[in-house]
Amino acid sequence: MRIDLNQTAASQLTNEPNAKPVSANNVPSSGASVGEDRTTFKSDTQSLSSLVTAAMSSPETRDDRVASLQQSISNGTYQLDPGKIAASMIDEHA
């Protein structure tokens, strides 16, 4: 990953015409202000447990996909793309 320090910083970009840049001088010292954006993260236990159950009940191997690949290989119809293989090898080690 390359970081270019000469490019415009994300904090300098804005889509709002009346936006004010943030600096230490204009940040409210109290925890809340009028028009302040807030977000709350909470865990939805029921949703999480249903996802875990679905993941645990799925098979480790996709037998239909394995059978299809075995048939393609035995028929001689399985095609390899050397360019994709090389690109994947390079991406994995980069």
Protein backbone atom coordinates (compact mmCIF):
# COMPACT_ATOMS: atom_id res chain seq x y z
CA MET A 1 0.00 0.00 0.00
CA ARG A 2 1.33 3.40 -0.93
CA ILE A 3 0.50 6.60 0.92
CA ASP A 4 1.03 9.82 -1.01
CA LEU A 5 1.43 12.74 1.38
CA ASN A 6 1.29 15.29 -1.44
CA GLN A 7 -2.34 14.58 -2.29
CA THR A 8 -5.31 16.46 -0.83
CA ALA A 9 -6.22 15.07 2.58
CA ALA A 10 -9.68 13.57 3.00
CA SER A 11 -10.40 16.10 5.76
CA GLN A 12 -10.00 18.91 3.22
CA LEU A 13 -12.65 17.50 0.89
CA THR A 14 -16.28 18.52 1.29
CA ASN A 15 -19.58 18.14 -0.53
CA GLU A 16 -21.38 20.77 1.50
CA PRO A 17 -21.20 24.38 0.26
CA ASN A 18 -21.36 25.92 3.77
CA ALA A 19 -19.09 23.41 5.52
CA LYS A 20 -16.51 24.75 7.94
CA PRO A 21 -13.08 23.18 8.28
CA VAL A 22 -12.49 21.51 11.63
CA SER A 23 -9.72 22.86 13.80
CA ALA A 24 -8.89 22.82 17.49
CA ASN A 25 -10.40 26.31 17.80
CA ASN A 26 -13.92 25.50 16.57
CA VAL A 27 -14.48 22.04 18.09
CA PRO A 28 -16.99 22.17 20.96
CA SER A 29 -15.38 21.29 24.28
CA SER A 30 -18.58 19.86 25.73
CA GLY A 31 -19.71 16.40 24.66
CA ALA A 32 -22.77 17.53 22.70
CA SER A 33 -23.76 20.39 20.45
CA VAL A 34 -26.78 21.29 18.36
CA GLY A 35 -26.79 19.38 15.07
CA GLU A 36 -24.12 16.93 16.18
CA ASP A 37 -24.01 13.64 14.28
CA ARG A 38 -24.16 10.53 16.42
CA THR A 39 -24.12 6.82 15.87
CA THR A 40 -24.67 3.89 18.16
CA PHE A 41 -23.32 0.39 17.66
CA LYS A 42 -25.14 -2.42 19.36
CA SER A 43 -25.10 -6.15 19.01
CA ASP A 44 -28.27 -7.80 17.80
CA THR A 45 -27.88 -11.10 19.61
CA GLN A 46 -30.67 -12.88 17.77
CA SER A 47 -29.32 -11.88 14.36
CA LEU A 48 -25.78 -12.82 15.34
CA SER A 49 -26.81 -16.22 16.67
CA SER A 50 -28.79 -16.98 13.48
CA LEU A 51 -25.73 -16.13 11.37
CA VAL A 52 -23.53 -18.36 13.51
CA THR A 53 -26.05 -21.21 13.24
CA ALA A 54 -26.21 -20.83 9.45
CA ALA A 55 -22.42 -20.81 9.16
CA MET A 56 -22.01 -23.84 11.38
CA SER A 57 -24.65 -25.84 9.48
CA SER A 58 -23.11 -25.22 6.06
CA PRO A 59 -20.81 -27.96 4.74
CA GLU A 60 -17.04 -27.50 4.76
CA THR A 61 -16.82 -28.55 1.11
CA ARG A 62 -19.22 -27.87 -1.71
CA ASP A 63 -19.70 -31.42 -2.95
CA ASP A 64 -21.56 -30.32 -6.10
CA ARG A 65 -18.70 -27.98 -7.09
CA VAL A 66 -16.08 -30.65 -6.38
CA ALA A 67 -18.00 -33.22 -8.47
CA SER A 68 -18.32 -30.73 -11.33
CA LEU A 69 -14.59 -30.00 -11.30
CA GLN A 70 -13.71 -33.70 -11.14
CA GLN A 71 -15.92 -34.35 -14.16
CA SER A 72 -14.37 -31.45 -16.12
CA ILE A 73 -10.86 -32.71 -15.37
CA SER A 74 -11.66 -36.31 -16.32
CA ASN A 75 -13.36 -35.16 -19.56
CA GLY A 76 -10.40 -32.97 -20.45
CA THR A 77 -12.60 -29.86 -20.61
CA TYR A 78 -11.15 -28.05 -17.59
CA GLN A 79 -9.39 -24.93 -18.87
CA LEU A 80 -6.55 -23.23 -17.01
CA ASP A 81 -5.72 -19.55 -17.50
CA PRO A 82 -1.96 -19.14 -16.90
CA GLY A 83 -2.34 -15.36 -16.72
CA LYS A 84 -4.85 -15.58 -13.87
CA ILE A 85 -2.72 -18.12 -12.04
CA ALA A 86 0.38 -15.92 -12.33
CA ALA A 87 -1.55 -12.81 -11.25
CA SER A 88 -2.94 -14.61 -8.20
CA MET A 89 0.51 -15.83 -7.23
CA ILE A 90 1.94 -12.32 -7.53
CA ASP A 91 -0.97 -10.73 -5.61
CA GLU A 92 -0.61 -13.23 -2.77
CA HIS A 93 3.10 -12.53 -2.33
CA ALA A 94 2.97 -8.77 -2.84
